[in-house]
Amino acid sequence: MFDISIYATASPQKLVVGMLYSYVLYSPILMANEWKGKERFLSLGETVLANPNEKERSESVYEMLQIFEDADLWYGLCDTENAYAYNAKLGGVAFWSNGDFRYGDWYWTE
């Protein structure tokens, strides 16, 4: 029903592949439908995220990124941290690496 969807997701490991894997894994639409490379992508994701050795996981990460790109699931529009808009008089606004923020830290400067 929509032409565009703005979506932000997170990666506890702070890895791009973790963000993409989480995006797919928790997307009801992507999990319910078939797309080229889906099973391989999910299989790689299970092992890549559990491997702390960057050198060992690099080939698998590259393959996952290629599958994601080839399936054309989405592409980035902007840095999501910079996509937020808020009043210039609002202080204490800071974003975590997953894009969340704490309302309790906010205050008015005037």
PDB file of N, CA and C in Angstrom:
ATOM      1  N   MET A   1       0.810  -1.197   0.000  1.00  0.00           N
ATOM      2  CA  MET A   1       0.000   0.000   0.000  1.00  0.00           C
ATOM      3  C   MET A   1       0.854   1.264   0.000  1.00  0.00           C
ATOM      4  N   PHE A   2       2.160   1.148   0.255  1.00  0.00           N
ATOM      5  CA  PHE A   2       3.011   2.321   0.358  1.00  0.00           C
ATOM      6  C   PHE A   2       4.107   2.284  -0.699  1.00  0.00           C
ATOM      7  N   ASP A   3       4.537   3.455  -1.132  1.00  0.00           N
ATOM      8  CA  ASP A   3       5.628   3.562  -2.086  1.00  0.00           C
ATOM      9  C   ASP A   3       6.984   3.539  -1.403  1.00  0.00           C
ATOM     10  N   ILE A   4       7.022   3.961  -0.144  1.00  0.00           N
ATOM     11  CA  ILE A   4       8.289   4.040   0.565  1.00  0.00           C
ATOM     12  C   ILE A   4       8.056   3.766   2.047  1.00  0.00           C
ATOM     13  N   SER A   5       9.046   3.176   2.667  1.00  0.00           N
ATOM     14  CA  SER A   5       8.990   2.917   4.103  1.00  0.00           C
ATOM     15  C   SER A   5      10.322   3.346   4.703  1.00  0.00           C
ATOM     16  N   ILE A   6      10.287   4.203   5.698  1.00  0.00           N
ATOM     17  CA  ILE A   6      11.508   4.582   6.413  1.00  0.00           C
ATOM     18  C   ILE A   6      11.628   3.626   7.587  1.00  0.00           C
ATOM     19  N   TYR A   7      12.735   2.907   7.659  1.00  0.00           N
ATOM     20  CA  TYR A   7      12.897   1.890   8.683  1.00  0.00           C
ATOM     21  C   TYR A   7      14.278   2.021   9.308  1.00  0.00           C
ATOM     22  N   ALA A   8      14.349   1.906  10.595  1.00  0.00           N
ATOM     23  CA  ALA A   8      15.627   1.904  11.297  1.00  0.00           C
ATOM     24  C   ALA A   8      15.692   0.657  12.156  1.00  0.00           C
ATOM     25  N   THR A   9      16.826   0.039  12.211  1.00  0.00           N
ATOM     26  CA  THR A   9      16.996  -1.165  13.012  1.00  0.00           C
ATOM     27  C   THR A   9      18.341  -1.102  13.719  1.00  0.00           C
ATOM     28  N   ALA A  10      18.627  -2.075  14.545  1.00  0.00           N
ATOM     29  CA  ALA A  10      19.827  -2.027  15.367  1.00  0.00           C
ATOM     30  C   ALA A  10      20.606  -3.328  15.305  1.00  0.00           C
ATOM     31  N   SER A  11      21.838  -3.254  15.761  1.00  0.00           N
ATOM     32  CA  SER A  11      22.697  -4.425  15.858  1.00  0.00           C
ATOM     33  C   SER A  11      23.416  -4.392  17.200  1.00  0.00           C
ATOM     34  N   PRO A  12      23.071  -5.306  18.111  1.00  0.00           N
ATOM     35  CA  PRO A  12      23.767  -5.328  19.403  1.00  0.00           C
ATOM     36  C   PRO A  12      25.278  -5.515  19.250  1.00  0.00           C
ATOM     37  N   GLN A  13      25.689  -6.195  18.162  1.00  0.00           N
ATOM     38  CA  GLN A  13      27.118  -6.438  17.928  1.00  0.00           C
ATOM     39  C   GLN A  13      27.795  -5.241  17.271  1.00  0.00           C
ATOM     40  N   LYS A  14      27.005  -4.230  16.875  1.00  0.00           N
ATOM     41  CA  LYS A  14      27.497  -3.061  16.149  1.00  0.00           C
ATOM     42  C   LYS A  14      28.127  -3.462  14.818  1.00  0.00           C
ATOM     43  N   LEU A  15      27.554  -4.479  14.190  1.00  0.00           N
ATOM     44  CA  LEU A  15      27.975  -4.925  12.869  1.00  0.00           C
ATOM     45  C   LEU A  15      26.847  -4.658  11.887  1.00  0.00           C
ATOM     46  N   VAL A  16      27.187  -4.197  10.703  1.00  0.00           N
ATOM     47  CA  VAL A  16      26.163  -3.973   9.686  1.00  0.00           C
ATOM     48  C   VAL A  16      25.408  -5.263   9.400  1.00  0.00           C
ATOM     49  N   VAL A  17      26.133  -6.363   9.343  1.00  0.00           N
ATOM     50  CA  VAL A  17      25.474  -7.634   9.034  1.00  0.00           C
ATOM     51  C   VAL A  17      24.486  -8.016  10.137  1.00  0.00           C
ATOM     52  N   GLY A  18      24.770  -7.638  11.377  1.00  0.00           N
ATOM     53  CA  GLY A  18      23.837  -7.886  12.467  1.00  0.00           C
ATOM     54  C   GLY A  18      22.555  -7.090  12.294  1.00  0.00           C
ATOM     55  N   MET A  19      22.700  -5.861  11.819  1.00  0.00           N
ATOM     56  CA  MET A  19      21.541  -5.024  11.567  1.00  0.00           C
ATOM     57  C   MET A  19      20.683  -5.627  10.456  1.00  0.00           C
ATOM     58  N   LEU A  20      21.322  -6.053   9.375  1.00  0.00           N
ATOM     59  CA  LEU A  20      20.583  -6.624   8.260  1.00  0.00           C
ATOM     60  C   LEU A  20      19.933  -7.955   8.644  1.00  0.00           C
ATOM     61  N   TYR A  21      20.660  -8.774   9.383  1.00  0.00           N
ATOM     62  CA  TYR A  21      20.117 -10.071   9.808  1.00  0.00           C
ATOM     63  C   TYR A  21      18.910  -9.859  10.723  1.00  0.00           C
ATOM     64  N   SER A  22      19.013  -8.932  11.672  1.00  0.00           N
ATOM     65  CA  SER A  22      17.887  -8.638  12.562  1.00  0.00           C
ATOM     66  C   SER A  22      16.701  -8.099  11.783  1.00  0.00           C
ATOM     67  N   TYR A  23      16.994  -7.250  10.817  1.00  0.00           N
ATOM     68  CA  TYR A  23      15.937  -6.675   9.982  1.00  0.00           C
ATOM     69  C   TYR A  23      15.142  -7.774   9.291  1.00  0.00           C
ATOM     70  N   VAL A  24      15.849  -8.747   8.715  1.00  0.00           N
ATOM     71  CA  VAL A  24      15.185  -9.859   8.016  1.00  0.00           C
ATOM     72  C   VAL A  24      14.480 -10.770   9.000  1.00  0.00           C
ATOM     73  N   LEU A  25      15.189 -11.166  10.047  1.00  0.00           N
ATOM     74  CA  LEU A  25      14.663 -12.137  11.010  1.00  0.00           C
ATOM     75  C   LEU A  25      13.386 -11.653  11.685  1.00  0.00           C
ATOM     76  N   TYR A  26      13.272 -10.362  11.959  1.00  0.00           N
ATOM     77  CA  TYR A  26      12.109  -9.838  12.668  1.00  0.00           C
ATOM     78  C   TYR A  26      11.119  -9.124  11.759  1.00  0.00           C
ATOM     79  N   SER A  27      11.268  -9.335  10.461  1.00  0.00           N
ATOM     80  CA  SER A  27      10.325  -8.751   9.515  1.00  0.00           C
ATOM     81  C   SER A  27       9.278  -9.798   9.140  1.00  0.00           C
ATOM     82  N   PRO A  28       8.022  -9.615   9.561  1.00  0.00           N
ATOM     83  CA  PRO A  28       6.987 -10.596   9.219  1.00  0.00           C
ATOM     84  C   PRO A  28       6.835 -10.784   7.707  1.00  0.00           C
ATOM     85  N   ILE A  29       7.011  -9.705   6.953  1.00  0.00           N
ATOM     86  CA  ILE A  29       6.853  -9.794   5.503  1.00  0.00           C
ATOM     87  C   ILE A  29       7.994 -10.584   4.872  1.00  0.00           C
ATOM     88  N   LEU A  30       9.243 -10.263   5.241  1.00  0.00           N
ATOM     89  CA  LEU A  30      10.380 -10.958   4.646  1.00  0.00           C
ATOM     90  C   LEU A  30      10.460 -12.423   5.073  1.00  0.00           C
ATOM     91  N   MET A  31      10.045 -12.720   6.290  1.00  0.00           N
ATOM     92  CA  MET A  31      10.085 -14.110   6.759  1.00  0.00           C
ATOM     93  C   MET A  31       8.942 -14.931   6.157  1.00  0.00           C
ATOM     94  N   ALA A  32       7.830 -14.302   5.848  1.00  0.00           N
ATOM     95  CA  ALA A  32       6.677 -15.027   5.308  1.00  0.00           C
ATOM     96  C   ALA A  32       6.807 -15.270   3.808  1.00  0.00           C
ATOM     97  N   ASN A  33       7.570 -14.434   3.125  1.00  0.00           N
ATOM     98  CA  ASN A  33       7.698 -14.550   1.677  1.00  0.00           C
ATOM     99  C   ASN A  33       9.049 -15.108   1.268  1.00  0.00           C
ATOM    100  N   GLU A  34       9.084 -15.658   0.082  1.00  0.00           N
ATOM    101  CA  GLU A  34      10.338 -16.183  -0.454  1.00  0.00           C
ATOM    102  C   GLU A  34      11.042 -15.115  -1.267  1.00  0.00           C
ATOM    103  N   TRP A  35      12.349 -15.116  -1.217  1.00  0.00           N
ATOM    104  CA  TRP A  35      13.170 -14.242  -2.029  1.00  0.00           C
ATOM    105  C   TRP A  35      14.491 -14.948  -2.283  1.00  0.00           C
ATOM    106  N   LYS A  36      15.133 -14.570  -3.355  1.00  0.00           N
ATOM    107  CA  LYS A  36      16.359 -15.240  -3.788  1.00  0.00           C
ATOM    108  C   LYS A  36      17.432 -15.199  -2.703  1.00  0.00           C
ATOM    109  N   GLY A  37      17.877 -16.386  -2.262  1.00  0.00           N
ATOM    110  CA  GLY A  37      18.947 -16.491  -1.281  1.00  0.00           C
ATOM    111  C   GLY A  37      18.505 -16.453   0.168  1.00  0.00           C
ATOM    112  N   LYS A  38      17.212 -16.447   0.422  1.00  0.00           N
ATOM    113  CA  LYS A  38      16.703 -16.297   1.789  1.00  0.00           C
ATOM    114  C   LYS A  38      17.262 -17.367   2.739  1.00  0.00           C
ATOM    115  N   GLU A  39      17.163 -18.626   2.376  1.00  0.00           N
ATOM    116  CA  GLU A  39      17.614 -19.701   3.272  1.00  0.00           C
ATOM    117  C   GLU A  39      19.115 -19.619   3.544  1.00  0.00           C
ATOM    118  N   ARG A  40      19.890 -19.313   2.512  1.00  0.00           N
ATOM    119  CA  ARG A  40      21.342 -19.183   2.676  1.00  0.00           C
ATOM    120  C   ARG A  40      21.666 -17.990   3.565  1.00  0.00           C
ATOM    121  N   PHE A  41      20.985 -16.886   3.362  1.00  0.00           N
ATOM    122  CA  PHE A  41      21.188 -15.687   4.170  1.00  0.00           C
ATOM    123  C   PHE A  41      20.932 -15.992   5.647  1.00  0.00           C
ATOM    124  N   LEU A  42      19.818 -16.644   5.931  1.00  0.00           N
ATOM    125  CA  LEU A  42      19.478 -16.962   7.326  1.00  0.00           C
ATOM    126  C   LEU A  42      20.474 -17.947   7.933  1.00  0.00           C
ATOM    127  N   SER A  43      20.909 -18.909   7.148  1.00  0.00           N
ATOM    128  CA  SER A  43      21.892 -19.885   7.624  1.00  0.00           C
ATOM    129  C   SER A  43      23.222 -19.213   7.959  1.00  0.00           C
ATOM    130  N   LEU A  44      23.682 -18.351   7.080  1.00  0.00           N
ATOM    131  CA  LEU A  44      24.931 -17.629   7.337  1.00  0.00           C
ATOM    132  C   LEU A  44      24.801 -16.728   8.554  1.00  0.00           C
ATOM    133  N   GLY A  45      23.669 -16.066   8.689  1.00  0.00           N
ATOM    134  CA  GLY A  45      23.454 -15.151   9.810  1.00  0.00           C
ATOM    135  C   GLY A  45      23.590 -15.821  11.161  1.00  0.00           C
ATOM    136  N   GLU A  46      23.105 -17.039  11.263  1.00  0.00           N
ATOM    137  CA  GLU A  46      23.192 -17.776  12.534  1.00  0.00           C
ATOM    138  C   GLU A  46      24.626 -18.005  12.968  1.00  0.00           C
ATOM    139  N   THR A  47      25.498 -18.275  12.014  1.00  0.00           N
ATOM    140  CA  THR A  47      26.893 -18.578  12.362  1.00  0.00           C
ATOM    141  C   THR A  47      27.785 -17.337  12.390  1.00  0.00           C
ATOM    142  N   VAL A  48      27.557 -16.407  11.483  1.00  0.00           N
ATOM    143  CA  VAL A  48      28.412 -15.222  11.396  1.00  0.00           C
ATOM    144  C   VAL A  48      28.339 -14.384  12.666  1.00  0.00           C
ATOM    145  N   LEU A  49      27.153 -14.183  13.185  1.00  0.00           N
ATOM    146  CA  LEU A  49      27.000 -13.317  14.356  1.00  0.00           C
ATOM    147  C   LEU A  49      27.573 -13.941  15.618  1.00  0.00           C
ATOM    148  N   ALA A  50      27.733 -15.247  15.611  1.00  0.00           N
ATOM    149  CA  ALA A  50      28.282 -15.923  16.788  1.00  0.00           C
ATOM    150  C   ALA A  50      29.802 -16.039  16.721  1.00  0.00           C
ATOM    151  N   ASN A  51      30.396 -15.624  15.616  1.00  0.00           N
ATOM    152  CA  ASN A  51      31.845 -15.763  15.440  1.00  0.00           C
ATOM    153  C   ASN A  51      32.537 -14.429  15.714  1.00  0.00           C
ATOM    154  N   PRO A  52      33.307 -14.327  16.800  1.00  0.00           N
ATOM    155  CA  PRO A  52      33.962 -13.065  17.126  1.00  0.00           C
ATOM    156  C   PRO A  52      35.206 -12.773  16.278  1.00  0.00           C
ATOM    157  N   ASN A  53      35.674 -13.759  15.533  1.00  0.00           N
ATOM    158  CA  ASN A  53      36.888 -13.598  14.741  1.00  0.00           C
ATOM    159  C   ASN A  53      36.569 -12.929  13.403  1.00  0.00           C
ATOM    160  N   GLU A  54      36.978 -11.679  13.268  1.00  0.00           N
ATOM    161  CA  GLU A  54      36.653 -10.904  12.071  1.00  0.00           C
ATOM    162  C   GLU A  54      37.179 -11.547  10.793  1.00  0.00           C
ATOM    163  N   LYS A  55      38.362 -12.073  10.860  1.00  0.00           N
ATOM    164  CA  LYS A  55      38.976 -12.678   9.671  1.00  0.00           C
ATOM    165  C   LYS A  55      38.192 -13.908   9.205  1.00  0.00           C
ATOM    166  N   GLU A  56      37.760 -14.729  10.156  1.00  0.00           N
ATOM    167  CA  GLU A  56      37.015 -15.948   9.817  1.00  0.00           C
ATOM    168  C   GLU A  56      35.630 -15.649   9.261  1.00  0.00           C
ATOM    169  N   ARG A  57      35.013 -14.604   9.738  1.00  0.00           N
ATOM    170  CA  ARG A  57      33.643 -14.342   9.309  1.00  0.00           C
ATOM    171  C   ARG A  57      33.546 -13.432   8.078  1.00  0.00           C
ATOM    172  N   SER A  58      34.642 -12.843   7.641  1.00  0.00           N
ATOM    173  CA  SER A  58      34.582 -11.836   6.581  1.00  0.00           C
ATOM    174  C   SER A  58      34.001 -12.368   5.266  1.00  0.00           C
ATOM    175  N   GLU A  59      34.360 -13.577   4.852  1.00  0.00           N
ATOM    176  CA  GLU A  59      33.821 -14.125   3.600  1.00  0.00           C
ATOM    177  C   GLU A  59      32.314 -14.358   3.705  1.00  0.00           C
ATOM    178  N   SER A  60      31.877 -14.862   4.843  1.00  0.00           N
ATOM    179  CA  SER A  60      30.450 -15.095   5.037  1.00  0.00           C
ATOM    180  C   SER A  60      29.675 -13.787   5.090  1.00  0.00           C
ATOM    181  N   VAL A  61      30.265 -12.781   5.733  1.00  0.00           N
ATOM    182  CA  VAL A  61      29.625 -11.471   5.793  1.00  0.00           C
ATOM    183  C   VAL A  61      29.476 -10.912   4.383  1.00  0.00           C
ATOM    184  N   TYR A  62      30.517 -11.025   3.597  1.00  0.00           N
ATOM    185  CA  TYR A  62      30.458 -10.529   2.221  1.00  0.00           C
ATOM    186  C   TYR A  62      29.368 -11.256   1.436  1.00  0.00           C
ATOM    187  N   GLU A  63      29.265 -12.573   1.624  1.00  0.00           N
ATOM    188  CA  GLU A  63      28.222 -13.343   0.927  1.00  0.00           C
ATOM    189  C   GLU A  63      26.830 -12.894   1.366  1.00  0.00           C
ATOM    190  N   MET A  64      26.660 -12.664   2.670  1.00  0.00           N
ATOM    191  CA  MET A  64      25.358 -12.195   3.166  1.00  0.00           C
ATOM    192  C   MET A  64      24.998 -10.851   2.552  1.00  0.00           C
ATOM    193  N   LEU A  65      25.960  -9.955   2.488  1.00  0.00           N
ATOM    194  CA  LEU A  65      25.704  -8.642   1.913  1.00  0.00           C
ATOM    195  C   LEU A  65      25.356  -8.741   0.434  1.00  0.00           C
ATOM    196  N   GLN A  66      26.009  -9.643  -0.276  1.00  0.00           N
ATOM    197  CA  GLN A  66      25.697  -9.838  -1.692  1.00  0.00           C
ATOM    198  C   GLN A  66      24.278 -10.377  -1.873  1.00  0.00           C
ATOM    199  N   ILE A  67      23.896 -11.338  -1.042  1.00  0.00           N
ATOM    200  CA  ILE A  67      22.535 -11.890  -1.112  1.00  0.00           C
ATOM    201  C   ILE A  67      21.515 -10.789  -0.839  1.00  0.00           C
ATOM    202  N   PHE A  68      21.764 -10.000   0.205  1.00  0.00           N
ATOM    203  CA  PHE A  68      20.857  -8.922   0.577  1.00  0.00           C
ATOM    204  C   PHE A  68      20.719  -7.915  -0.560  1.00  0.00           C
ATOM    205  N   GLU A  69      21.843  -7.564  -1.147  1.00  0.00           N
ATOM    206  CA  GLU A  69      21.839  -6.599  -2.253  1.00  0.00           C
ATOM    207  C   GLU A  69      21.152  -7.173  -3.490  1.00  0.00           C
ATOM    208  N   ASP A  70      21.454  -8.422  -3.818  1.00  0.00           N
ATOM    209  CA  ASP A  70      20.857  -9.053  -5.000  1.00  0.00           C
ATOM    210  C   ASP A  70      19.344  -9.201  -4.870  1.00  0.00           C
ATOM    211  N   ALA A  71      18.885  -9.459  -3.638  1.00  0.00           N
ATOM    212  CA  ALA A  71      17.440  -9.591  -3.410  1.00  0.00           C
ATOM    213  C   ALA A  71      16.759  -8.227  -3.405  1.00  0.00           C
ATOM    214  N   ASP A  72      17.566  -7.163  -3.326  1.00  0.00           N
ATOM    215  CA  ASP A  72      17.068  -5.792  -3.352  1.00  0.00           C
ATOM    216  C   ASP A  72      15.980  -5.580  -2.294  1.00  0.00           C
ATOM    217  N   LEU A  73      16.284  -5.988  -1.049  1.00  0.00           N
ATOM    218  CA  LEU A  73      15.298  -5.887   0.029  1.00  0.00           C
ATOM    219  C   LEU A  73      15.053  -4.445   0.442  1.00  0.00           C
ATOM    220  N   TRP A  74      16.060  -3.632   0.492  1.00  0.00           N
ATOM    221  CA  TRP A  74      15.963  -2.195   0.699  1.00  0.00           C
ATOM    222  C   TRP A  74      17.338  -1.595   0.544  1.00  0.00           C
ATOM    223  N   TYR A  75      17.394  -0.299   0.473  1.00  0.00           N
ATOM    224  CA  TYR A  75      18.675   0.390   0.429  1.00  0.00           C
ATOM    225  C   TYR A  75      18.594   1.624   1.317  1.00  0.00           C
ATOM    226  N   GLY A  76      19.732   2.046   1.807  1.00  0.00           N
ATOM    227  CA  GLY A  76      19.771   3.138   2.757  1.00  0.00           C
ATOM    228  C   GLY A  76      19.500   4.488   2.127  1.00  0.00           C
ATOM    229  N   LEU A  77      18.782   5.313   2.855  1.00  0.00           N
ATOM    230  CA  LEU A  77      18.506   6.673   2.404  1.00  0.00           C
ATOM    231  C   LEU A  77      19.391   7.690   3.111  1.00  0.00           C
ATOM    232  N   CYS A  78      19.659   7.445   4.391  1.00  0.00           N
ATOM    233  CA  CYS A  78      20.420   8.423   5.165  1.00  0.00           C
ATOM    234  C   CYS A  78      20.916   7.776   6.447  1.00  0.00           C
ATOM    235  N   ASP A  79      21.784   8.481   7.131  1.00  0.00           N
ATOM    236  CA  ASP A  79      22.229   8.078   8.456  1.00  0.00           C
ATOM    237  C   ASP A  79      21.066   8.336   9.402  1.00  0.00           C
ATOM    238  N   THR A  80      20.512   7.290  10.003  1.00  0.00           N
ATOM    239  CA  THR A  80      19.297   7.465  10.807  1.00  0.00           C
ATOM    240  C   THR A  80      19.503   8.354  12.019  1.00  0.00           C
ATOM    241  N   GLU A  81      20.719   8.455  12.516  1.00  0.00           N
ATOM    242  CA  GLU A  81      20.947   9.351  13.655  1.00  0.00           C
ATOM    243  C   GLU A  81      20.675  10.790  13.248  1.00  0.00           C
ATOM    244  N   ASN A  82      20.939  11.111  12.004  1.00  0.00           N
ATOM    245  CA  ASN A  82      20.730  12.462  11.519  1.00  0.00           C
ATOM    246  C   ASN A  82      19.334  12.672  10.946  1.00  0.00           C
ATOM    247  N   ALA A  83      18.503  11.642  10.993  1.00  0.00           N
ATOM    248  CA  ALA A  83      17.158  11.745  10.436  1.00  0.00           C
ATOM    249  C   ALA A  83      16.157  12.282  11.456  1.00  0.00           C
ATOM    250  N   TYR A  84      16.581  12.450  12.700  1.00  0.00           N
ATOM    251  CA  TYR A  84      15.685  12.955  13.729  1.00  0.00           C
ATOM    252  C   TYR A  84      15.614  14.482  13.691  1.00  0.00           C
ATOM    253  N   ALA A  85      14.453  15.012  13.975  1.00  0.00           N
ATOM    254  CA  ALA A  85      14.284  16.454  14.086  1.00  0.00           C
ATOM    255  C   ALA A  85      13.693  16.749  15.453  1.00  0.00           C
ATOM    256  N   TYR A  86      14.215  17.749  16.115  1.00  0.00           N
ATOM    257  CA  TYR A  86      13.676  18.141  17.413  1.00  0.00           C
ATOM    258  C   TYR A  86      13.933  19.624  17.623  1.00  0.00           C
ATOM    259  N   ASN A  87      13.223  20.199  18.560  1.00  0.00           N
ATOM    260  CA  ASN A  87      13.291  21.624  18.852  1.00  0.00           C
ATOM    261  C   ASN A  87      14.705  21.996  19.302  1.00  0.00           C
ATOM    262  N   ALA A  88      15.247  23.087  18.744  1.00  0.00           N
ATOM    263  CA  ALA A  88      16.606  23.526  19.075  1.00  0.00           C
ATOM    264  C   ALA A  88      16.747  23.922  20.548  1.00  0.00           C
ATOM    265  N   LYS A  89      15.636  24.216  21.212  1.00  0.00           N
ATOM    266  CA  LYS A  89      15.682  24.600  22.625  1.00  0.00           C
ATOM    267  C   LYS A  89      15.615  23.393  23.557  1.00  0.00           C
ATOM    268  N   LEU A  90      15.560  22.206  22.983  1.00  0.00           N
ATOM    269  CA  LEU A  90      15.502  20.982  23.781  1.00  0.00           C
ATOM    270  C   LEU A  90      16.920  20.461  23.998  1.00  0.00           C
ATOM    271  N   GLY A  91      17.332  20.390  25.254  1.00  0.00           N
ATOM    272  CA  GLY A  91      18.669  19.926  25.590  1.00  0.00           C
ATOM    273  C   GLY A  91      18.666  18.480  26.054  1.00  0.00           C
ATOM    274  N   GLY A  92      19.853  17.903  26.141  1.00  0.00           N
ATOM    275  CA  GLY A  92      20.003  16.542  26.640  1.00  0.00           C
ATOM    276  C   GLY A  92      19.629  15.458  25.650  1.00  0.00           C
ATOM    277  N   VAL A  93      19.437  15.833  24.406  1.00  0.00           N
ATOM    278  CA  VAL A  93      19.054  14.848  23.397  1.00  0.00           C
ATOM    279  C   VAL A  93      20.311  14.171  22.886  1.00  0.00           C
ATOM    280  N   ALA A  94      20.397  12.868  23.094  1.00  0.00           N
ATOM    281  CA  ALA A  94      21.527  12.065  22.606  1.00  0.00           C
ATOM    282  C   ALA A  94      20.967  10.721  22.156  1.00  0.00           C
ATOM    283  N   PHE A  95      21.553  10.180  21.119  1.00  0.00           N
ATOM    284  CA  PHE A  95      21.083   8.919  20.566  1.00  0.00           C
ATOM    285  C   PHE A  95      22.076   7.801  20.836  1.00  0.00           C
ATOM    286  N   TRP A  96      21.573   6.634  21.187  1.00  0.00           N
ATOM    287  CA  TRP A  96      22.415   5.457  21.384  1.00  0.00           C
ATOM    288  C   TRP A  96      22.738   4.875  20.025  1.00  0.00           C
ATOM    289  N   SER A  97      23.623   3.902  19.988  1.00  0.00           N
ATOM    290  CA  SER A  97      24.032   3.311  18.713  1.00  0.00           C
ATOM    291  C   SER A  97      22.882   2.618  17.986  1.00  0.00           C
ATOM    292  N   ASN A  98      21.841   2.241  18.699  1.00  0.00           N
ATOM    293  CA  ASN A  98      20.695   1.604  18.041  1.00  0.00           C
ATOM    294  C   ASN A  98      19.599   2.620  17.692  1.00  0.00           C
ATOM    295  N   GLY A  99      19.871   3.913  17.916  1.00  0.00           N
ATOM    296  CA  GLY A  99      18.919   4.952  17.561  1.00  0.00           C
ATOM    297  C   GLY A  99      17.951   5.326  18.662  1.00  0.00           C
ATOM    298  N   ASP A 100      17.982   4.598  19.786  1.00  0.00           N
ATOM    299  CA  ASP A 100      17.096   4.920  20.901  1.00  0.00           C
ATOM    300  C   ASP A 100      17.608   6.149  21.655  1.00  0.00           C
ATOM    301  N   PHE A 101      16.763   6.694  22.508  1.00  0.00           N
ATOM    302  CA  PHE A 101      17.120   7.842  23.324  1.00  0.00           C
ATOM    303  C   PHE A 101      16.338   7.769  24.624  1.00  0.00           C
ATOM    304  N   ARG A 102      16.761   8.553  25.611  1.00  0.00           N
ATOM    305  CA  ARG A 102      16.089   8.572  26.910  1.00  0.00           C
ATOM    306  C   ARG A 102      15.378   9.904  27.106  1.00  0.00           C
ATOM    307  N   TYR A 103      14.066   9.834  27.196  1.00  0.00           N
ATOM    308  CA  TYR A 103      13.278  11.046  27.433  1.00  0.00           C
ATOM    309  C   TYR A 103      13.662  11.701  28.757  1.00  0.00           C
ATOM    310  N   GLY A 104      14.034  10.909  29.734  1.00  0.00           N
ATOM    311  CA  GLY A 104      14.348  11.426  31.061  1.00  0.00           C
ATOM    312  C   GLY A 104      15.529  12.381  31.068  1.00  0.00           C
ATOM    313  N   ASP A 105      16.376  12.338  30.044  1.00  0.00           N
ATOM    314  CA  ASP A 105      17.548  13.204  29.979  1.00  0.00           C
ATOM    315  C   ASP A 105      17.266  14.534  29.299  1.00  0.00           C
ATOM    316  N   TRP A 106      16.063  14.694  28.781  1.00  0.00           N
ATOM    317  CA  TRP A 106      15.720  15.911  28.023  1.00  0.00           C
ATOM    318  C   TRP A 106      15.338  17.058  28.975  1.00  0.00           C
ATOM    319  N   TYR A 107      15.623  18.258  28.550  1.00  0.00           N
ATOM    320  CA  TYR A 107      15.249  19.448  29.325  1.00  0.00           C
ATOM    321  C   TYR A 107      15.154  20.632  28.360  1.00  0.00           C
ATOM    322  N   TRP A 108      14.387  21.645  28.767  1.00  0.00           N
ATOM    323  CA  TRP A 108      14.254  22.862  27.964  1.00  0.00           C
ATOM    324  C   TRP A 108      15.350  23.831  28.369  1.00  0.00           C
ATOM    325  N   THR A 109      16.007  24.424  27.398  1.00  0.00           N
ATOM    326  CA  THR A 109      17.110  25.343  27.702  1.00  0.00           C
ATOM    327  C   THR A 109      16.615  26.741  28.054  1.00  0.00           C
ATOM    328  N   GLU A 110      15.368  27.043  27.765  1.00  0.00           N
ATOM    329  CA  GLU A 110      14.815  28.360  28.123  1.00  0.00           C
ATOM    330  C   GLU A 110      13.544  28.209  28.907  1.00  0.00           C
TER     331      GLU A 110
END
